[in-house]
Amino acid sequence: MNAYRILGFKMSGNLPNEEVTNEIVMVKYLNLKNKLEELIEKRKYTKAESVARLEESLKELEEAYSNVETEEKRNAYNEPFLKEIQLKTMLGKLIASEGGDPLQKPQKREINKQNRAAYVRKNPNYVEYTQEYEDDNIKLLGIEEVSFENGNMYKDAVKKYMLIVKQEEQHLMEEVLSFYSTNDIDLSDNAHRIALYQAIKRVNEESKDFEEKYIGTICKNEDGTFTEIRDGGQIDAMIQREHQKEAERKIKSSRIQTQGEER
């Protein structure tokens, strides 16, 4: 649950649309805390199930207050929400600059929902940060290629990409996000570019996890529209690969720590 919503702030999306100060946060917290404690006291001898729910609400309230009680904590708590807004705005501008509609999304079709990937591994022959495409607006880098068996039936692969949008007004290049997709990205085609950006925008609006993004294969239909085909085996391979990388990071960190202690 959102900490601000739990505390009773008026919201616009995931952020309050009213003034937030340490004092206001504390007042809202204490008011709700007192009400919950009074209800718990009244019901604790007669309504055990109701008391358990109230006690759980009190724990949520205390956690919410702890997350946003100071300006420093609020800044840290707000960061992913602000990043989400910035990302949505940036992708909208990118789509519009290509002549597309930021509100339109490719059709989405899911296949092989029950497939599970086997023998998931990084392709050692793929060179990290390979430049796949560049134009006046973006640069697309390939981070790594992941090969696997899709549902123990056939060979398959997905690639992790980094999409960078060029910020001309700031004379810098800013990483937008990384995502997984198949190797069939044809950004030389304007309509394909728009469909991919629209799919990226949708997955960032629908998914709360910024690390495990999956864009399916973008396919052009006979009528000129596009469909994003999402494959269950590919999604499972992506998730497995992210878990593998997390385990690799932990092992590397442990080795570095051990070497430091030996010195």
C-alpha atoms as a PDB file:
ATOM      1  CA  MET A   1       0.000   0.000   0.000  1.00  0.00           C
ATOM      2  CA  ASN A   2       1.057   3.566  -0.636  1.00  0.00           C
ATOM      3  CA  ALA A   3       2.234   5.279   2.573  1.00  0.00           C
ATOM      4  CA  TYR A   4       0.496   8.554   1.718  1.00  0.00           C
ATOM      5  CA  ARG A   5      -2.827   6.825   1.060  1.00  0.00           C
ATOM      6  CA  ILE A   6      -2.603   4.966   4.369  1.00  0.00           C
ATOM      7  CA  LEU A   7      -2.043   8.283   6.147  1.00  0.00           C
ATOM      8  CA  GLY A   8      -5.078   9.819   4.438  1.00  0.00           C
ATOM      9  CA  PHE A   9      -3.511  12.314   2.020  1.00  0.00           C
ATOM     10  CA  LYS A  10      -5.432  13.427  -1.061  1.00  0.00           C
ATOM     11  CA  MET A  11      -3.657  11.790  -3.975  1.00  0.00           C
ATOM     12  CA  SER A  12      -2.850  12.374  -7.628  1.00  0.00           C
ATOM     13  CA  GLY A  13      -1.522   9.043  -8.833  1.00  0.00           C
ATOM     14  CA  ASN A  14       1.029   7.795  -6.310  1.00  0.00           C
ATOM     15  CA  LEU A  15       1.909  11.202  -4.861  1.00  0.00           C
ATOM     16  CA  PRO A  16      -0.067  13.645  -2.676  1.00  0.00           C
ATOM     17  CA  ASN A  17      -1.671  16.681  -4.285  1.00  0.00           C
ATOM     18  CA  GLU A  18      -1.749  18.574  -0.994  1.00  0.00           C
ATOM     19  CA  GLU A  19       0.988  20.075   1.164  1.00  0.00           C
ATOM     20  CA  VAL A  20       3.210  17.562   2.958  1.00  0.00           C
ATOM     21  CA  THR A  21       5.357  18.590   5.945  1.00  0.00           C
ATOM     22  CA  ASN A  22       6.755  16.747   8.937  1.00  0.00           C
ATOM     23  CA  GLU A  23       4.064  18.283  11.121  1.00  0.00           C
ATOM     24  CA  ILE A  24       1.176  17.387   8.782  1.00  0.00           C
ATOM     25  CA  VAL A  25       2.435  13.808   8.458  1.00  0.00           C
ATOM     26  CA  MET A  26       2.710  13.476  12.232  1.00  0.00           C
ATOM     27  CA  VAL A  27      -0.766  14.947  12.863  1.00  0.00           C
ATOM     28  CA  LYS A  28      -2.395  12.576  10.358  1.00  0.00           C
ATOM     29  CA  TYR A  29      -0.500   9.650  11.834  1.00  0.00           C
ATOM     30  CA  LEU A  30      -1.429  10.438  15.447  1.00  0.00           C
ATOM     31  CA  ASN A  31      -5.099  11.023  14.593  1.00  0.00           C
ATOM     32  CA  LEU A  32      -5.397   7.665  12.850  1.00  0.00           C
ATOM     33  CA  LYS A  33      -3.298   5.908  15.481  1.00  0.00           C
ATOM     34  CA  ASN A  34      -5.533   7.170  18.292  1.00  0.00           C
ATOM     35  CA  LYS A  35      -8.686   6.083  16.453  1.00  0.00           C
ATOM     36  CA  LEU A  36      -7.318   2.599  15.788  1.00  0.00           C
ATOM     37  CA  GLU A  37      -6.143   2.161  19.371  1.00  0.00           C
ATOM     38  CA  GLU A  38      -9.547   3.235  20.689  1.00  0.00           C
ATOM     39  CA  LEU A  39     -11.306   0.718  18.434  1.00  0.00           C
ATOM     40  CA  ILE A  40      -8.921  -2.034  19.490  1.00  0.00           C
ATOM     41  CA  GLU A  41      -9.576  -1.268  23.145  1.00  0.00           C
ATOM     42  CA  LYS A  42     -13.364  -1.342  22.642  1.00  0.00           C
ATOM     43  CA  ARG A  43     -13.400  -4.610  20.725  1.00  0.00           C
ATOM     44  CA  LYS A  44     -10.606  -6.667  22.228  1.00  0.00           C
ATOM     45  CA  TYR A  45     -12.924  -8.574  24.586  1.00  0.00           C
ATOM     46  CA  THR A  46     -15.731  -9.206  22.121  1.00  0.00           C
ATOM     47  CA  LYS A  47     -14.549  -9.265  18.503  1.00  0.00           C
ATOM     48  CA  ALA A  48     -11.213 -11.064  18.192  1.00  0.00           C
ATOM     49  CA  GLU A  49     -11.184 -11.208  14.360  1.00  0.00           C
ATOM     50  CA  SER A  50     -11.952  -7.499  14.089  1.00  0.00           C
ATOM     51  CA  VAL A  51      -9.170  -6.721  16.569  1.00  0.00           C
ATOM     52  CA  ALA A  52      -6.657  -8.727  14.526  1.00  0.00           C
ATOM     53  CA  ARG A  53      -7.516  -6.703  11.414  1.00  0.00           C
ATOM     54  CA  LEU A  54      -7.255  -3.444  13.335  1.00  0.00           C
ATOM     55  CA  GLU A  55      -3.881  -4.431  14.755  1.00  0.00           C
ATOM     56  CA  GLU A  56      -2.672  -5.214  11.238  1.00  0.00           C
ATOM     57  CA  SER A  57      -3.908  -1.782  10.102  1.00  0.00           C
ATOM     58  CA  LEU A  58      -2.025  -0.206  12.991  1.00  0.00           C
ATOM     59  CA  LYS A  59       1.197  -1.938  11.889  1.00  0.00           C
ATOM     60  CA  GLU A  60       0.668  -0.670   8.329  1.00  0.00           C
ATOM     61  CA  LEU A  61       0.061   2.835   9.654  1.00  0.00           C
ATOM     62  CA  GLU A  62       3.251   2.770  11.723  1.00  0.00           C
ATOM     63  CA  GLU A  63       5.253   1.511   8.733  1.00  0.00           C
ATOM     64  CA  ALA A  64       3.734   4.210   6.509  1.00  0.00           C
ATOM     65  CA  TYR A  65       4.646   6.915   9.003  1.00  0.00           C
ATOM     66  CA  SER A  66       8.180   5.560   9.309  1.00  0.00           C
ATOM     67  CA  ASN A  67       8.574   5.750   5.501  1.00  0.00           C
ATOM     68  CA  VAL A  68       7.606   9.424   5.138  1.00  0.00           C
ATOM     69  CA  GLU A  69       8.022  11.083   8.543  1.00  0.00           C
ATOM     70  CA  THR A  70      10.958  13.295   7.475  1.00  0.00           C
ATOM     71  CA  GLU A  71      11.776  15.205   4.294  1.00  0.00           C
ATOM     72  CA  GLU A  72      14.813  13.001   3.700  1.00  0.00           C
ATOM     73  CA  LYS A  73      12.709   9.843   3.937  1.00  0.00           C
ATOM     74  CA  ARG A  74      10.013  11.330   1.698  1.00  0.00           C
ATOM     75  CA  ASN A  75      12.562  12.191  -0.981  1.00  0.00           C
ATOM     76  CA  ALA A  76      13.782   8.593  -1.004  1.00  0.00           C
ATOM     77  CA  TYR A  77      10.210   7.231  -0.957  1.00  0.00           C
ATOM     78  CA  ASN A  78       9.094   9.541  -3.798  1.00  0.00           C
ATOM     79  CA  GLU A  79      12.033   8.749  -6.083  1.00  0.00           C
ATOM     80  CA  PRO A  80      10.566   5.706  -7.907  1.00  0.00           C
ATOM     81  CA  PHE A  81       7.230   7.501  -8.394  1.00  0.00           C
ATOM     82  CA  LEU A  82       8.972  10.578  -9.812  1.00  0.00           C
ATOM     83  CA  LYS A  83      11.094   8.343 -12.037  1.00  0.00           C
ATOM     84  CA  GLU A  84       7.911   6.688 -13.307  1.00  0.00           C
ATOM     85  CA  ILE A  85       6.384  10.090 -14.169  1.00  0.00           C
ATOM     86  CA  GLN A  86       9.585  11.238 -15.871  1.00  0.00           C
ATOM     87  CA  LEU A  87       9.823   7.999 -17.838  1.00  0.00           C
ATOM     88  CA  LYS A  88       6.179   8.197 -18.962  1.00  0.00           C
ATOM     89  CA  THR A  89       6.647  11.807 -20.080  1.00  0.00           C
ATOM     90  CA  MET A  90       9.884  11.036 -21.909  1.00  0.00           C
ATOM     91  CA  LEU A  91       8.435   8.054 -23.755  1.00  0.00           C
ATOM     92  CA  GLY A  92       5.323  10.065 -24.653  1.00  0.00           C
ATOM     93  CA  LYS A  93       7.486  12.788 -26.195  1.00  0.00           C
ATOM     94  CA  LEU A  94       9.550  10.184 -28.038  1.00  0.00           C
ATOM     95  CA  ILE A  95       6.447   8.557 -29.525  1.00  0.00           C
ATOM     96  CA  ALA A  96       5.007  11.951 -30.533  1.00  0.00           C
ATOM     97  CA  SER A  97       8.311  12.975 -32.144  1.00  0.00           C
ATOM     98  CA  GLU A  98       8.013   9.913 -34.404  1.00  0.00           C
ATOM     99  CA  GLY A  99       4.458  10.878 -35.397  1.00  0.00           C
ATOM    100  CA  GLY A 100       2.763   8.308 -33.145  1.00  0.00           C
ATOM    101  CA  ASP A 101       0.004   8.515 -30.538  1.00  0.00           C
ATOM    102  CA  PRO A 102       1.361   8.254 -26.943  1.00  0.00           C
ATOM    103  CA  LEU A 103      -2.021   6.936 -25.767  1.00  0.00           C
ATOM    104  CA  GLN A 104      -2.183   4.141 -28.336  1.00  0.00           C
ATOM    105  CA  LYS A 105      -0.753   0.693 -27.551  1.00  0.00           C
ATOM    106  CA  PRO A 106      -0.035  -2.328 -29.742  1.00  0.00           C
ATOM    107  CA  GLN A 107      -2.393  -5.251 -29.441  1.00  0.00           C
ATOM    108  CA  LYS A 108      -1.083  -7.823 -26.969  1.00  0.00           C
ATOM    109  CA  ARG A 109      -1.291 -11.581 -27.400  1.00  0.00           C
ATOM    110  CA  GLU A 110       0.059 -14.167 -24.971  1.00  0.00           C
ATOM    111  CA  ILE A 111       1.266 -17.584 -26.113  1.00  0.00           C
ATOM    112  CA  ASN A 112       2.805 -20.602 -24.388  1.00  0.00           C
ATOM    113  CA  LYS A 113       1.623 -19.288 -21.026  1.00  0.00           C
ATOM    114  CA  GLN A 114       2.565 -22.477 -19.185  1.00  0.00           C
ATOM    115  CA  ASN A 115       5.997 -22.868 -20.799  1.00  0.00           C
ATOM    116  CA  ARG A 116       9.025 -22.980 -18.519  1.00  0.00           C
ATOM    117  CA  ALA A 117      12.517 -22.295 -19.806  1.00  0.00           C
ATOM    118  CA  ALA A 118      15.256 -24.926 -19.405  1.00  0.00           C
ATOM    119  CA  TYR A 119      19.053 -24.600 -19.585  1.00  0.00           C
ATOM    120  CA  VAL A 120      18.954 -20.818 -19.289  1.00  0.00           C
ATOM    121  CA  ARG A 121      22.405 -19.352 -19.854  1.00  0.00           C
ATOM    122  CA  LYS A 122      24.153 -16.251 -21.101  1.00  0.00           C
ATOM    123  CA  ASN A 123      25.546 -16.524 -24.616  1.00  0.00           C
ATOM    124  CA  PRO A 124      29.329 -16.170 -24.091  1.00  0.00           C
ATOM    125  CA  ASN A 125      29.847 -15.155 -27.725  1.00  0.00           C
ATOM    126  CA  TYR A 126      27.670 -12.051 -27.549  1.00  0.00           C
ATOM    127  CA  VAL A 127      29.622  -8.845 -26.926  1.00  0.00           C
ATOM    128  CA  GLU A 128      28.132  -6.704 -24.160  1.00  0.00           C
ATOM    129  CA  TYR A 129      26.974  -3.173 -25.035  1.00  0.00           C
ATOM    130  CA  THR A 130      26.809  -3.892 -28.751  1.00  0.00           C
ATOM    131  CA  GLN A 131      25.223  -0.943 -30.539  1.00  0.00           C
ATOM    132  CA  GLU A 132      22.145  -2.306 -32.278  1.00  0.00           C
ATOM    133  CA  TYR A 133      20.673   0.954 -33.574  1.00  0.00           C
ATOM    134  CA  GLU A 134      21.068   4.737 -33.407  1.00  0.00           C
ATOM    135  CA  ASP A 135      19.221   7.741 -34.814  1.00  0.00           C
ATOM    136  CA  ASP A 136      18.726  11.393 -33.870  1.00  0.00           C
ATOM    137  CA  ASN A 137      16.515  10.474 -30.913  1.00  0.00           C
ATOM    138  CA  ILE A 138      17.762   7.228 -29.396  1.00  0.00           C
ATOM    139  CA  LYS A 139      20.525   4.710 -29.130  1.00  0.00           C
ATOM    140  CA  LEU A 140      19.804   1.007 -28.546  1.00  0.00           C
ATOM    141  CA  LEU A 141      22.504  -1.142 -26.962  1.00  0.00           C
ATOM    142  CA  GLY A 142      22.441  -4.910 -26.595  1.00  0.00           C
ATOM    143  CA  ILE A 143      23.516  -5.868 -23.060  1.00  0.00           C
ATOM    144  CA  GLU A 144      23.482  -9.646 -23.330  1.00  0.00           C
ATOM    145  CA  GLU A 145      21.859 -12.508 -25.165  1.00  0.00           C
ATOM    146  CA  VAL A 146      20.222 -15.328 -23.203  1.00  0.00           C
ATOM    147  CA  SER A 147      19.717 -18.743 -24.802  1.00  0.00           C
ATOM    148  CA  PHE A 148      17.480 -21.519 -23.462  1.00  0.00           C
ATOM    149  CA  GLU A 149      15.032 -24.266 -24.322  1.00  0.00           C
ATOM    150  CA  ASN A 150      11.476 -22.981 -24.409  1.00  0.00           C
ATOM    151  CA  GLY A 151       9.158 -25.476 -22.738  1.00  0.00           C
ATOM    152  CA  ASN A 152      11.771 -28.210 -23.330  1.00  0.00           C
ATOM    153  CA  MET A 153      10.589 -28.190 -26.934  1.00  0.00           C
ATOM    154  CA  TYR A 154      12.738 -25.855 -29.016  1.00  0.00           C
ATOM    155  CA  LYS A 155      15.713 -23.530 -28.867  1.00  0.00           C
ATOM    156  CA  ASP A 156      14.976 -19.898 -28.177  1.00  0.00           C
ATOM    157  CA  ALA A 157      16.708 -16.680 -27.157  1.00  0.00           C
ATOM    158  CA  VAL A 158      15.944 -13.269 -25.740  1.00  0.00           C
ATOM    159  CA  LYS A 159      18.201 -10.278 -25.512  1.00  0.00           C
ATOM    160  CA  LYS A 160      18.531  -7.651 -22.830  1.00  0.00           C
ATOM    161  CA  TYR A 161      18.659  -4.138 -24.252  1.00  0.00           C
ATOM    162  CA  MET A 162      19.396  -0.666 -22.947  1.00  0.00           C
ATOM    163  CA  LEU A 163      17.380   2.122 -24.524  1.00  0.00           C
ATOM    164  CA  ILE A 164      18.964   5.573 -24.314  1.00  0.00           C
ATOM    165  CA  VAL A 165      17.155   8.772 -25.243  1.00  0.00           C
ATOM    166  CA  LYS A 166      19.282  11.688 -26.395  1.00  0.00           C
ATOM    167  CA  GLN A 167      18.555  14.834 -24.387  1.00  0.00           C
ATOM    168  CA  GLU A 168      19.593  17.536 -26.846  1.00  0.00           C
ATOM    169  CA  GLU A 169      18.599  20.449 -24.643  1.00  0.00           C
ATOM    170  CA  GLN A 170      20.884  19.174 -21.880  1.00  0.00           C
ATOM    171  CA  HIS A 171      23.666  18.005 -24.208  1.00  0.00           C
ATOM    172  CA  LEU A 172      23.749  14.623 -22.542  1.00  0.00           C
ATOM    173  CA  MET A 173      22.472  11.116 -23.008  1.00  0.00           C
ATOM    174  CA  GLU A 174      20.313   9.572 -20.322  1.00  0.00           C
ATOM    175  CA  GLU A 175      19.562   5.884 -19.860  1.00  0.00           C
ATOM    176  CA  VAL A 176      15.812   5.377 -19.983  1.00  0.00           C
ATOM    177  CA  LEU A 177      15.531   1.715 -19.101  1.00  0.00           C
ATOM    178  CA  SER A 178      16.646  -1.790 -19.841  1.00  0.00           C
ATOM    179  CA  PHE A 179      14.276  -4.452 -21.125  1.00  0.00           C
ATOM    180  CA  TYR A 180      14.152  -7.940 -22.593  1.00  0.00           C
ATOM    181  CA  SER A 181      12.838  -8.759 -26.049  1.00  0.00           C
ATOM    182  CA  THR A 182      13.526 -11.107 -28.936  1.00  0.00           C
ATOM    183  CA  ASN A 183      16.183 -10.408 -31.546  1.00  0.00           C
ATOM    184  CA  ASP A 184      13.578  -9.277 -34.088  1.00  0.00           C
ATOM    185  CA  ILE A 185      13.662  -5.542 -33.351  1.00  0.00           C
ATOM    186  CA  ASP A 186      13.653  -3.584 -36.617  1.00  0.00           C
ATOM    187  CA  LEU A 187      14.114   0.033 -35.612  1.00  0.00           C
ATOM    188  CA  SER A 188      14.938   1.086 -39.155  1.00  0.00           C
ATOM    189  CA  ASP A 189      11.153   1.032 -39.733  1.00  0.00           C
ATOM    190  CA  ASN A 190       9.395   4.102 -38.307  1.00  0.00           C
ATOM    191  CA  ALA A 191       6.124   2.303 -37.556  1.00  0.00           C
ATOM    192  CA  HIS A 192       8.011  -0.497 -35.794  1.00  0.00           C
ATOM    193  CA  ARG A 193       9.868   2.062 -33.662  1.00  0.00           C
ATOM    194  CA  ILE A 194       6.607   3.678 -32.592  1.00  0.00           C
ATOM    195  CA  ALA A 195       5.075   0.296 -31.702  1.00  0.00           C
ATOM    196  CA  LEU A 196       8.118  -0.653 -29.629  1.00  0.00           C
ATOM    197  CA  TYR A 197       8.102   2.658 -27.732  1.00  0.00           C
ATOM    198  CA  GLN A 198       4.364   2.264 -27.093  1.00  0.00           C
ATOM    199  CA  ALA A 199       4.946  -1.260 -25.767  1.00  0.00           C
ATOM    200  CA  ILE A 200       7.762  -0.036 -23.518  1.00  0.00           C
ATOM    201  CA  LYS A 201       5.506   2.730 -22.206  1.00  0.00           C
ATOM    202  CA  ARG A 202       2.756   0.225 -21.452  1.00  0.00           C
ATOM    203  CA  VAL A 203       4.993  -2.262 -19.644  1.00  0.00           C
ATOM    204  CA  ASN A 204       6.350   0.522 -17.448  1.00  0.00           C
ATOM    205  CA  GLU A 205       2.833   1.661 -16.590  1.00  0.00           C
ATOM    206  CA  GLU A 206       1.614  -1.871 -15.858  1.00  0.00           C
ATOM    207  CA  SER A 207       4.661  -3.322 -14.108  1.00  0.00           C
ATOM    208  CA  LYS A 208       5.912  -2.205 -10.708  1.00  0.00           C
ATOM    209  CA  ASP A 209       9.260  -3.965 -11.096  1.00  0.00           C
ATOM    210  CA  PHE A 210      11.792  -1.766 -12.880  1.00  0.00           C
ATOM    211  CA  GLU A 211      14.376  -4.553 -13.144  1.00  0.00           C
ATOM    212  CA  GLU A 212      12.470  -7.292 -14.956  1.00  0.00           C
ATOM    213  CA  LYS A 213      10.883  -5.719 -18.015  1.00  0.00           C
ATOM    214  CA  TYR A 214       9.755  -7.864 -20.892  1.00  0.00           C
ATOM    215  CA  ILE A 215       8.624  -6.605 -24.289  1.00  0.00           C
ATOM    216  CA  GLY A 216       7.379  -9.401 -26.499  1.00  0.00           C
ATOM    217  CA  THR A 217       8.057  -9.785 -30.197  1.00  0.00           C
ATOM    218  CA  ILE A 218       6.619  -6.781 -32.065  1.00  0.00           C
ATOM    219  CA  CYS A 219       4.914  -8.159 -35.188  1.00  0.00           C
ATOM    220  CA  LYS A 220       3.331  -6.135 -37.987  1.00  0.00           C
ATOM    221  CA  ASN A 221      -0.164  -7.229 -38.993  1.00  0.00           C
ATOM    222  CA  GLU A 222      -1.556  -7.241 -42.528  1.00  0.00           C
ATOM    223  CA  ASP A 223      -3.613  -4.114 -41.809  1.00  0.00           C
ATOM    224  CA  GLY A 224      -0.510  -2.174 -40.747  1.00  0.00           C
ATOM    225  CA  THR A 225      -1.160  -2.390 -36.997  1.00  0.00           C
ATOM    226  CA  PHE A 226       1.203  -4.143 -34.597  1.00  0.00           C
ATOM    227  CA  THR A 227       0.840  -6.943 -32.081  1.00  0.00           C
ATOM    228  CA  GLU A 228       3.143  -7.582 -29.138  1.00  0.00           C
ATOM    229  CA  ILE A 229       3.401 -11.363 -28.768  1.00  0.00           C
ATOM    230  CA  ARG A 230       4.369 -12.339 -25.218  1.00  0.00           C
ATOM    231  CA  ASP A 231       5.807 -15.834 -24.843  1.00  0.00           C
ATOM    232  CA  GLY A 232       5.570 -17.569 -21.445  1.00  0.00           C
ATOM    233  CA  GLY A 233       8.837 -19.446 -21.961  1.00  0.00           C
ATOM    234  CA  GLN A 234      10.711 -16.266 -22.788  1.00  0.00           C
ATOM    235  CA  ILE A 235       9.304 -14.502 -19.729  1.00  0.00           C
ATOM    236  CA  ASP A 236      10.383 -17.417 -17.526  1.00  0.00           C
ATOM    237  CA  ALA A 237      13.874 -17.337 -19.061  1.00  0.00           C
ATOM    238  CA  MET A 238      14.143 -13.610 -18.364  1.00  0.00           C
ATOM    239  CA  ILE A 239      13.156 -14.096 -14.722  1.00  0.00           C
ATOM    240  CA  GLN A 240      15.564 -17.014 -14.304  1.00  0.00           C
ATOM    241  CA  ARG A 241      18.398 -14.991 -15.819  1.00  0.00           C
ATOM    242  CA  GLU A 242      17.771 -12.078 -13.452  1.00  0.00           C
ATOM    243  CA  HIS A 243      17.907 -14.510 -10.523  1.00  0.00           C
ATOM    244  CA  GLN A 244      21.145 -15.972 -11.892  1.00  0.00           C
ATOM    245  CA  LYS A 245      22.701 -12.513 -12.083  1.00  0.00           C
ATOM    246  CA  GLU A 246      21.652 -11.717  -8.529  1.00  0.00           C
ATOM    247  CA  ALA A 247      23.293 -14.970  -7.342  1.00  0.00           C
ATOM    248  CA  GLU A 248      26.428 -14.101  -9.361  1.00  0.00           C
ATOM    249  CA  ARG A 249      26.566 -10.659  -7.731  1.00  0.00           C
ATOM    250  CA  LYS A 250      26.296 -12.185  -4.254  1.00  0.00           C
ATOM    251  CA  ILE A 251      29.079 -14.677  -4.966  1.00  0.00           C
ATOM    252  CA  LYS A 252      31.323 -11.933  -6.344  1.00  0.00           C
ATOM    253  CA  SER A 253      30.609  -9.696  -3.352  1.00  0.00           C
ATOM    254  CA  SER A 254      31.368 -12.561  -0.960  1.00  0.00           C
ATOM    255  CA  ARG A 255      34.694 -13.269  -2.694  1.00  0.00           C
ATOM    256  CA  ILE A 256      35.710  -9.613  -2.536  1.00  0.00           C
ATOM    257  CA  GLN A 257      34.845  -9.504   1.161  1.00  0.00           C
ATOM    258  CA  THR A 258      36.810 -12.707   1.837  1.00  0.00           C
ATOM    259  CA  GLN A 259      39.855 -11.385  -0.029  1.00  0.00           C
ATOM    260  CA  GLY A 260      39.672  -8.171   1.995  1.00  0.00           C
ATOM    261  CA  GLU A 261      39.594 -10.071   5.273  1.00  0.00           C
ATOM    262  CA  GLU A 262      42.581 -12.238   4.236  1.00  0.00           C
ATOM    263  CA  ARG A 263      44.664  -9.127   3.634  1.00  0.00           C
END
